[in-house]
Amino acid sequence: MTTTHQSIIGRQPIVNDKQEIIGYEFFFRKESDGSDTPFEEDIQTCAKILSTAMDEMHESWLLGQQLAFINVDHVMLASEFLELMPAEKTVLEIVHEVNITSEIIARCQALKTAKFKIALDNPQRHPHLEALVPIADYIKLDMRDVDIEEARTWLKKYQKPNCKLIAEKVEQNAQFKNLQEAGYQQFQGYFYARPENLNAKVINPSFEGVLNLLNLVSQDADNKSIENGFKRDTTLSYKLLRYINSVGFGLSCEVQSIGHALTILGRNQLYRWLTLLMVTAGNNSTSPALMKTSITRGRLTELLGEPFFEKSDRDNLFVVGVFSLLDVMLKVPMEDILDKLQLPESIMDALTRREGIFGPFLKLTEACEDANSKEILHLAEMLQLNPDKVNQCHMEALAWTEKLGV
């Protein structure tokens, strides 16, 4: 299907103590054998994809303020392709296999002068990396099977004003909270997206109004009923009018009534907007990283399925991706949420069993999040998607979510 030197991109978020995404670690896996070992073509793929994610209009990276953490070995450190990367947005993570020589130290110092940032891969377990600690901007510390006392010891040893520590492999909320209390401020892992304590009996009222409007739209209720639904919630009315009057619509006059807004927007766009609103309506109770991940899921699932579906079904793909984390967001089992939503069976199959016509596209999106190269390759081949196309969709989805400003 593809040549042997294509790379598959996976990603993991890096968040601060408020669970706001500050960057992503991007993983590049060799398509021919699924190897995790860095190789020179990776940096070419990385540079090609990330450097084209530049916003020509504003001369700023489309991933906004997010940093890109890239694993590099000695070959990649010496590669001229590094110069193609947006230096101020790129963190070069020196993998522990690198033999630290005077030449490597000098190269890292030169890269810092060029405004790249340097991260180290677990120097507490690989003492030869200690030679780079004085010039490191970030130090990654693997928290698997680590007790809190040991984590505190590492914090005292490595934390410096000019060097930030990242607790990585954090997969549970309880561990995040313990590390946060110990003094850690940056974290890597999907702990915020893991379903825990899904025992809420009532859906948060801030979501209830959106849910009711979603049902009205899906049941093809008349505009008057939908308008009345908005009028019962002043906040939703304000948000709709702000959205319709935004620069993106390019309207020549301001829309001041809900009825007029509904006419301009149309049912498909309204449903899509409400879907987005459903995951951002939590009155600051929802993790910012969780909101951003769910929206990125929606866009990536839609882009992956774009060649195969008509417009209405592409909208459904978006809904599938966004809603796939609703159980974590609302702290309610998915089946209970779906009981309150009138959704097509094809969406239900994807959300509950990852099956049906939309299921494989959602699974591929989730594999990209987990940097599961074997699963990405398997699903891409099954869907007859070229790895380059998957990578392109992945980066476009991240950039699109940043543009929304959530």
Protein backbone atom coordinates (compact mmCIF):
# COMPACT_ATOMS: atom_id res chain seq x y z
CA MET A 1 0.00 0.00 0.00
CA THR A 2 2.80 2.44 0.88
CA THR A 3 6.54 2.83 0.69
CA THR A 4 8.68 1.57 3.54
CA HIS A 5 9.81 4.97 4.83
CA GLN A 6 6.51 6.59 5.72
CA SER A 7 5.93 7.63 9.32
CA ILE A 8 2.81 7.48 11.42
CA ILE A 9 2.14 10.39 13.77
CA GLY A 10 0.76 9.83 17.25
CA ARG A 11 0.43 12.44 19.97
CA GLN A 12 0.12 12.83 23.72
CA PRO A 13 -0.87 16.08 25.44
CA ILE A 14 1.23 17.90 28.01
CA VAL A 15 -0.87 19.95 30.44
CA ASN A 16 -0.31 22.38 33.29
CA ASP A 17 -1.77 22.10 36.77
CA LYS A 18 -5.03 23.68 35.54
CA GLN A 19 -5.28 20.92 32.93
CA GLU A 20 -4.73 23.36 30.08
CA ILE A 21 -2.80 21.88 27.15
CA ILE A 22 0.59 23.58 26.79
CA GLY A 23 1.99 21.24 24.13
CA TYR A 24 1.98 17.83 22.51
CA GLU A 25 4.62 15.18 22.27
CA PHE A 26 4.53 13.91 18.71
CA PHE A 27 5.57 10.33 18.04
CA PHE A 28 6.85 9.26 14.62
CA ARG A 29 6.77 5.52 13.95
CA LYS A 30 8.27 3.80 10.93
CA GLU A 31 5.44 2.51 8.73
CA SER A 32 7.35 -0.55 7.54
CA ASP A 33 7.80 -2.28 10.89
CA GLY A 34 6.06 -0.18 13.57
CA SER A 35 9.43 0.43 15.24
CA ASP A 36 9.61 3.09 17.93
CA THR A 37 13.30 3.72 17.17
CA PRO A 38 13.97 7.22 15.78
CA PHE A 39 15.38 7.31 12.27
CA GLU A 40 16.50 10.14 10.03
CA GLU A 41 13.45 10.17 7.76
CA ASP A 42 11.34 10.95 10.85
CA ILE A 43 12.72 14.46 11.14
CA GLN A 44 12.03 15.03 7.44
CA THR A 45 8.41 13.94 7.94
CA CYS A 46 8.19 15.99 11.13
CA ALA A 47 9.64 19.11 9.52
CA LYS A 48 7.49 18.77 6.41
CA ILE A 49 4.25 18.38 8.32
CA LEU A 50 4.82 20.80 11.20
CA SER A 51 6.46 23.52 9.13
CA THR A 52 3.48 23.56 6.76
CA ALA A 53 1.24 24.20 9.77
CA MET A 54 2.31 27.86 9.66
CA ASP A 55 -0.38 30.49 9.38
CA GLU A 56 0.73 32.69 6.48
CA MET A 57 -1.72 35.42 7.41
CA HIS A 58 -0.40 35.92 10.91
CA GLU A 59 3.06 34.40 10.61
CA SER A 60 2.38 32.29 13.64
CA TRP A 61 2.16 28.55 14.14
CA LEU A 62 -1.34 27.22 13.67
CA LEU A 63 -1.06 25.26 16.90
CA GLY A 64 -1.25 28.59 18.72
CA GLN A 65 0.79 28.68 21.90
CA GLN A 66 1.25 24.90 21.98
CA LEU A 67 4.76 23.49 21.94
CA ALA A 68 5.77 20.46 19.87
CA PHE A 69 7.92 17.96 21.78
CA ILE A 70 9.92 15.80 19.34
CA ASN A 71 12.08 12.80 20.27
CA VAL A 72 15.57 13.08 18.77
CA ASP A 73 18.58 10.77 18.72
CA HIS A 74 22.20 11.60 17.77
CA VAL A 75 21.45 11.26 14.02
CA MET A 76 18.47 13.58 14.19
CA LEU A 77 20.35 16.08 16.35
CA ALA A 78 22.91 16.42 13.56
CA SER A 79 20.29 16.64 10.81
CA GLU A 80 19.99 19.83 8.78
CA PHE A 81 16.24 19.24 8.63
CA LEU A 82 15.97 20.47 12.22
CA GLU A 83 16.44 23.98 10.87
CA LEU A 84 13.08 23.69 9.08
CA MET A 85 11.25 23.42 12.38
CA PRO A 86 9.67 26.49 14.05
CA ALA A 87 12.42 26.79 16.67
CA GLU A 88 10.55 28.79 19.32
CA LYS A 89 7.70 26.24 19.29
CA THR A 90 9.86 23.10 19.19
CA VAL A 91 11.21 21.16 22.17
CA LEU A 92 13.87 18.60 21.26
CA GLU A 93 13.62 15.66 23.66
CA ILE A 94 17.00 13.90 23.86
CA VAL A 95 16.26 10.19 24.12
CA HIS A 96 18.23 8.21 26.68
CA GLU A 97 19.98 6.12 24.02
CA VAL A 98 22.09 9.14 23.03
CA ASN A 99 25.72 8.90 24.11
CA ILE A 100 26.51 12.31 25.62
CA THR A 101 29.77 13.56 24.15
CA SER A 102 31.31 17.01 24.03
CA GLU A 103 30.04 17.28 20.44
CA ILE A 104 26.46 16.49 21.54
CA ILE A 105 26.65 19.06 24.34
CA ALA A 106 27.97 21.70 21.91
CA ARG A 107 25.20 20.87 19.40
CA CYS A 108 22.51 21.22 22.08
CA GLN A 109 23.95 24.57 23.15
CA ALA A 110 23.93 25.76 19.54
CA LEU A 111 20.31 24.66 19.14
CA LYS A 112 19.37 26.57 22.30
CA THR A 113 21.06 29.65 20.85
CA ALA A 114 18.85 29.16 17.79
CA LYS A 115 15.84 29.29 20.21
CA PHE A 116 15.04 25.57 20.30
CA LYS A 117 14.26 24.16 23.73
CA ILE A 118 15.90 21.03 25.15
CA ALA A 119 14.15 18.27 27.13
CA LEU A 120 15.72 15.23 28.78
CA ASP A 121 14.29 11.71 28.94
CA ASN A 122 14.40 10.52 32.57
CA PRO A 123 17.93 11.43 33.71
CA GLN A 124 17.10 9.94 37.14
CA ARG A 125 17.22 6.53 35.44
CA HIS A 126 19.90 7.32 32.85
CA PRO A 127 22.74 9.10 34.72
CA HIS A 128 24.74 9.83 31.55
CA LEU A 129 22.09 12.47 30.70
CA GLU A 130 23.03 14.44 33.82
CA ALA A 131 25.69 16.25 31.75
CA LEU A 132 22.86 18.01 29.88
CA VAL A 133 20.84 18.99 32.97
CA PRO A 134 22.45 22.50 33.19
CA ILE A 135 21.14 23.40 29.71
CA ALA A 136 17.79 21.58 29.89
CA ASP A 137 14.53 23.55 29.62
CA TYR A 138 12.38 20.52 30.50
CA ILE A 139 13.01 17.23 32.28
CA LYS A 140 10.60 14.33 31.81
CA LEU A 141 10.12 12.01 34.80
CA ASP A 142 8.32 8.68 34.31
CA MET A 143 5.80 8.23 37.14
CA ARG A 144 4.83 4.61 36.53
CA ASP A 145 5.11 2.61 39.78
CA VAL A 146 6.66 5.60 41.58
CA ASP A 147 5.58 6.42 45.15
CA ILE A 148 4.99 10.03 46.13
CA GLU A 149 8.10 10.24 48.34
CA GLU A 150 10.36 9.30 45.45
CA ALA A 151 8.53 11.81 43.24
CA ARG A 152 9.21 14.53 45.85
CA THR A 153 12.91 13.58 45.92
CA TRP A 154 13.16 14.02 42.14
CA LEU A 155 11.36 17.35 42.40
CA LYS A 156 13.92 18.67 44.90
CA LYS A 157 16.82 17.40 42.81
CA TYR A 158 15.83 18.68 39.37
CA GLN A 159 13.52 21.67 39.78
CA LYS A 160 15.29 24.90 38.89
CA PRO A 161 13.97 28.35 37.90
CA ASN A 162 15.01 27.83 34.27
CA CYS A 163 13.97 24.17 34.01
CA LYS A 164 10.43 22.78 34.20
CA LEU A 165 9.66 19.23 35.26
CA ILE A 166 7.05 17.14 33.45
CA ALA A 167 5.54 14.17 35.27
CA GLU A 168 4.88 11.72 32.43
CA LYS A 169 2.94 8.44 32.15
CA VAL A 170 0.29 9.90 34.50
CA GLU A 171 -2.84 7.90 33.69
CA GLN A 172 -5.10 8.30 36.73
CA ASN A 173 -6.70 11.41 38.23
CA ALA A 174 -5.73 10.37 41.75
CA GLN A 175 -2.06 10.26 40.76
CA PHE A 176 -2.36 13.65 39.08
CA LYS A 177 -3.80 15.16 42.27
CA ASN A 178 -1.08 13.63 44.47
CA LEU A 179 1.70 14.89 42.19
CA GLN A 180 0.05 18.30 41.98
CA GLU A 181 -0.06 18.54 45.78
CA ALA A 182 3.62 17.49 45.91
CA GLY A 183 4.51 20.51 43.74
CA TYR A 184 4.55 19.22 40.15
CA GLN A 185 3.08 21.69 37.68
CA GLN A 186 3.24 19.97 34.28
CA PHE A 187 1.98 16.55 33.33
CA GLN A 188 1.81 14.16 30.38
CA GLY A 189 -0.83 11.49 29.93
CA TYR A 190 -4.55 11.02 29.37
CA PHE A 191 -5.51 10.92 33.05
CA TYR A 192 -8.13 13.65 32.45
CA ALA A 193 -9.87 11.52 29.80
CA ARG A 194 -10.14 8.31 31.84
CA PRO A 195 -13.66 7.40 32.97
CA GLU A 196 -13.73 7.42 36.76
CA ASN A 197 -16.69 7.51 39.14
CA LEU A 198 -19.36 7.66 36.44
CA ASN A 199 -22.07 7.69 39.07
CA ALA A 200 -23.77 11.08 38.72
CA LYS A 201 -27.57 10.68 38.80
CA VAL A 202 -28.44 14.03 37.24
CA ILE A 203 -26.82 15.78 34.30
CA ASN A 204 -25.31 19.16 35.20
CA PRO A 205 -27.96 21.86 34.51
CA SER A 206 -25.49 23.78 32.35
CA PHE A 207 -25.60 20.89 29.88
CA GLU A 208 -29.34 20.24 30.14
CA GLY A 209 -30.45 23.19 28.01
CA VAL A 210 -28.08 22.24 25.17
CA LEU A 211 -29.20 18.62 25.36
CA ASN A 212 -32.87 19.63 25.06
CA LEU A 213 -32.11 21.84 22.05
CA LEU A 214 -30.14 19.02 20.40
CA ASN A 215 -33.19 16.80 20.72
CA LEU A 216 -35.47 19.46 19.24
CA VAL A 217 -33.19 19.88 16.23
CA SER A 218 -32.74 16.12 15.70
CA GLN A 219 -36.53 15.65 15.86
CA ASP A 220 -36.94 18.38 13.21
CA ALA A 221 -39.05 20.57 15.49
CA ASP A 222 -40.31 23.84 14.02
CA ASN A 223 -38.27 27.03 14.39
CA LYS A 224 -40.69 28.48 16.93
CA SER A 225 -40.14 25.57 19.34
CA ILE A 226 -36.36 25.82 18.95
CA GLU A 227 -36.51 29.60 19.40
CA ASN A 228 -38.48 29.14 22.62
CA GLY A 229 -35.87 26.65 23.81
CA PHE A 230 -33.18 29.31 23.38
CA LYS A 231 -35.29 31.95 25.09
CA ARG A 232 -35.49 29.79 28.21
CA ASP A 233 -31.71 30.08 28.55
CA THR A 234 -30.35 33.61 28.28
CA THR A 235 -26.74 32.38 28.14
CA LEU A 236 -27.43 30.12 25.16
CA SER A 237 -29.24 32.93 23.34
CA TYR A 238 -26.27 35.23 23.90
CA LYS A 239 -23.80 32.62 22.67
CA LEU A 240 -25.82 31.93 19.50
CA LEU A 241 -26.06 35.63 18.60
CA ARG A 242 -22.37 36.14 19.32
CA TYR A 243 -21.54 33.18 17.09
CA ILE A 244 -23.74 34.26 14.16
CA ASN A 245 -22.38 37.83 14.36
CA SER A 246 -18.75 36.70 14.44
CA VAL A 247 -16.39 37.80 11.68
CA GLY A 248 -16.40 34.31 10.16
CA PHE A 249 -19.96 34.68 8.89
CA GLY A 250 -19.20 37.94 7.08
CA LEU A 251 -22.74 39.29 7.47
CA SER A 252 -23.40 42.84 6.30
CA CYS A 253 -25.72 43.63 9.22
CA GLU A 254 -25.98 42.52 12.82
CA VAL A 255 -28.43 39.73 13.65
CA GLN A 256 -30.40 40.68 16.75
CA SER A 257 -33.11 38.00 17.00
CA ILE A 258 -32.90 34.27 17.65
CA GLY A 259 -35.41 33.60 14.86
CA HIS A 260 -33.26 35.41 12.31
CA ALA A 261 -30.15 33.57 13.54
CA LEU A 262 -31.86 30.19 13.13
CA THR A 263 -32.86 31.04 9.55
CA ILE A 264 -29.32 32.05 8.59
CA LEU A 265 -27.62 29.14 10.34
CA GLY A 266 -29.73 26.25 9.03
CA ARG A 267 -30.36 22.96 10.82
CA ASN A 268 -27.08 21.17 10.03
CA GLN A 269 -24.91 24.08 11.16
CA LEU A 270 -27.08 24.59 14.23
CA TYR A 271 -26.73 20.93 15.23
CA ARG A 272 -22.97 21.11 14.75
CA TRP A 273 -22.73 24.29 16.82
CA LEU A 274 -24.84 22.78 19.61
CA THR A 275 -22.60 19.69 19.57
CA LEU A 276 -19.59 21.92 20.22
CA LEU A 277 -21.51 23.83 22.86
CA MET A 278 -22.40 20.59 24.61
CA VAL A 279 -18.75 20.02 25.50
CA THR A 280 -17.97 23.64 26.44
CA ALA A 281 -21.03 24.37 28.57
CA GLY A 282 -19.72 23.05 31.86
CA ASN A 283 -19.30 26.38 33.67
CA ASN A 284 -15.56 25.76 34.12
CA SER A 285 -16.21 22.36 35.72
CA THR A 286 -14.74 20.48 32.77
CA SER A 287 -11.00 20.07 32.25
CA PRO A 288 -9.85 22.40 29.41
CA ALA A 289 -7.71 19.55 28.07
CA LEU A 290 -10.74 17.25 28.01
CA MET A 291 -12.80 19.80 26.07
CA LYS A 292 -10.02 20.36 23.56
CA THR A 293 -9.43 16.62 23.14
CA SER A 294 -13.11 15.92 22.48
CA ILE A 295 -13.34 18.70 19.88
CA THR A 296 -10.15 17.52 18.19
CA ARG A 297 -11.63 14.01 18.14
CA GLY A 298 -14.70 15.35 16.36
CA ARG A 299 -12.73 17.16 13.69
CA LEU A 300 -10.23 14.34 13.13
CA THR A 301 -12.98 11.71 12.87
CA GLU A 302 -14.77 13.93 10.35
CA LEU A 303 -11.64 14.55 8.26
CA LEU A 304 -10.70 10.86 8.19
CA GLY A 305 -14.16 9.94 6.90
CA GLU A 306 -14.50 12.87 4.49
CA PRO A 307 -13.67 10.89 1.30
CA PHE A 308 -16.27 8.24 2.10
CA PHE A 309 -19.42 10.11 3.16
CA GLU A 310 -21.87 12.77 2.05
CA LYS A 311 -22.06 16.07 3.97
CA SER A 312 -24.79 14.96 6.40
CA ASP A 313 -22.87 11.85 7.38
CA ARG A 314 -19.67 13.86 7.76
CA ASP A 315 -21.54 15.99 10.29
CA ASN A 316 -22.47 12.75 12.07
CA LEU A 317 -18.79 11.75 12.16
CA PHE A 318 -18.06 15.06 13.88
CA VAL A 319 -20.80 14.36 16.44
CA VAL A 320 -19.41 10.85 17.07
CA GLY A 321 -15.93 12.18 17.81
CA VAL A 322 -17.05 15.05 20.04
CA PHE A 323 -19.57 12.95 21.98
CA SER A 324 -17.18 10.02 22.53
CA LEU A 325 -15.95 11.64 25.77
CA LEU A 326 -19.33 12.82 27.07
CA ASP A 327 -19.41 10.10 29.73
CA VAL A 328 -16.14 11.36 31.22
CA MET A 329 -17.23 14.97 30.88
CA LEU A 330 -20.64 14.53 32.50
CA LYS A 331 -19.55 11.74 34.89
CA VAL A 332 -22.54 9.72 33.69
CA PRO A 333 -22.42 6.30 31.95
CA MET A 334 -22.65 6.65 28.15
CA GLU A 335 -25.81 4.51 27.99
CA ASP A 336 -27.58 6.90 30.39
CA ILE A 337 -26.58 9.92 28.30
CA LEU A 338 -27.74 8.29 25.06
CA ASP A 339 -31.11 7.52 26.67
CA LYS A 340 -31.65 11.28 26.83
CA LEU A 341 -30.45 11.99 23.28
CA GLN A 342 -32.34 11.04 20.13
CA LEU A 343 -29.43 10.06 17.90
CA PRO A 344 -29.27 7.90 14.74
CA GLU A 345 -28.48 4.24 15.34
CA SER A 346 -25.22 4.59 13.39
CA ILE A 347 -23.98 7.17 15.93
CA MET A 348 -25.14 5.02 18.87
CA ASP A 349 -23.27 1.98 17.49
CA ALA A 350 -20.06 4.00 17.21
CA LEU A 351 -20.35 5.54 20.69
CA THR A 352 -21.27 2.39 22.59
CA ARG A 353 -19.40 -0.36 20.71
CA ARG A 354 -17.06 1.41 18.24
CA GLU A 355 -18.96 -0.43 15.51
CA GLY A 356 -21.14 0.41 12.51
CA ILE A 357 -20.17 2.68 9.62
CA PHE A 358 -18.61 5.35 11.87
CA GLY A 359 -16.94 3.08 14.46
CA PRO A 360 -13.64 2.39 12.62
CA PHE A 361 -13.04 6.11 12.05
CA LEU A 362 -13.48 6.82 15.77
CA LYS A 363 -11.15 3.93 16.60
CA LEU A 364 -8.51 5.37 14.26
CA THR A 365 -8.84 8.78 15.93
CA GLU A 366 -8.38 7.19 19.37
CA ALA A 367 -5.34 5.25 18.14
CA CYS A 368 -3.75 8.55 17.02
CA GLU A 369 -4.23 9.88 20.56
CA ASP A 370 -2.64 6.81 22.11
CA ALA A 371 0.26 6.86 19.63
CA ASN A 372 -0.65 3.22 18.96
CA SER A 373 1.28 2.78 15.72
CA LYS A 374 0.21 -0.82 15.06
CA GLU A 375 -3.46 0.00 15.53
CA ILE A 376 -3.15 3.16 13.39
CA LEU A 377 -1.56 1.14 10.57
CA HIS A 378 -4.12 -1.66 10.85
CA LEU A 379 -7.12 0.68 10.79
CA ALA A 380 -5.66 2.92 8.07
CA GLU A 381 -5.10 -0.12 5.85
CA MET A 382 -8.58 -1.43 6.57
CA LEU A 383 -10.08 1.96 5.63
CA GLN A 384 -7.73 2.26 2.62
CA LEU A 385 -6.23 5.47 3.96
CA ASN A 386 -2.62 6.32 3.17
CA PRO A 387 -0.52 7.06 6.31
CA ASP A 388 0.36 10.47 4.85
CA LYS A 389 -3.36 11.26 4.63
CA VAL A 390 -3.89 10.20 8.25
CA ASN A 391 -0.98 12.44 9.34
CA GLN A 392 -2.35 15.38 7.36
CA CYS A 393 -5.83 14.98 8.88
CA HIS A 394 -4.29 14.71 12.35
CA MET A 395 -2.40 18.00 12.08
CA GLU A 396 -5.34 19.78 10.42
CA ALA A 397 -7.64 18.71 13.26
CA LEU A 398 -5.26 20.06 15.91
CA ALA A 399 -4.89 23.36 14.05
CA TRP A 400 -8.66 23.67 13.54
CA THR A 401 -9.31 23.21 17.25
CA GLU A 402 -6.75 25.89 18.09
CA LYS A 403 -8.49 28.30 15.71
CA LEU A 404 -11.73 27.88 17.68
CA GLY A 405 -9.98 29.34 20.71
CA VAL A 406 -11.53 26.93 23.23
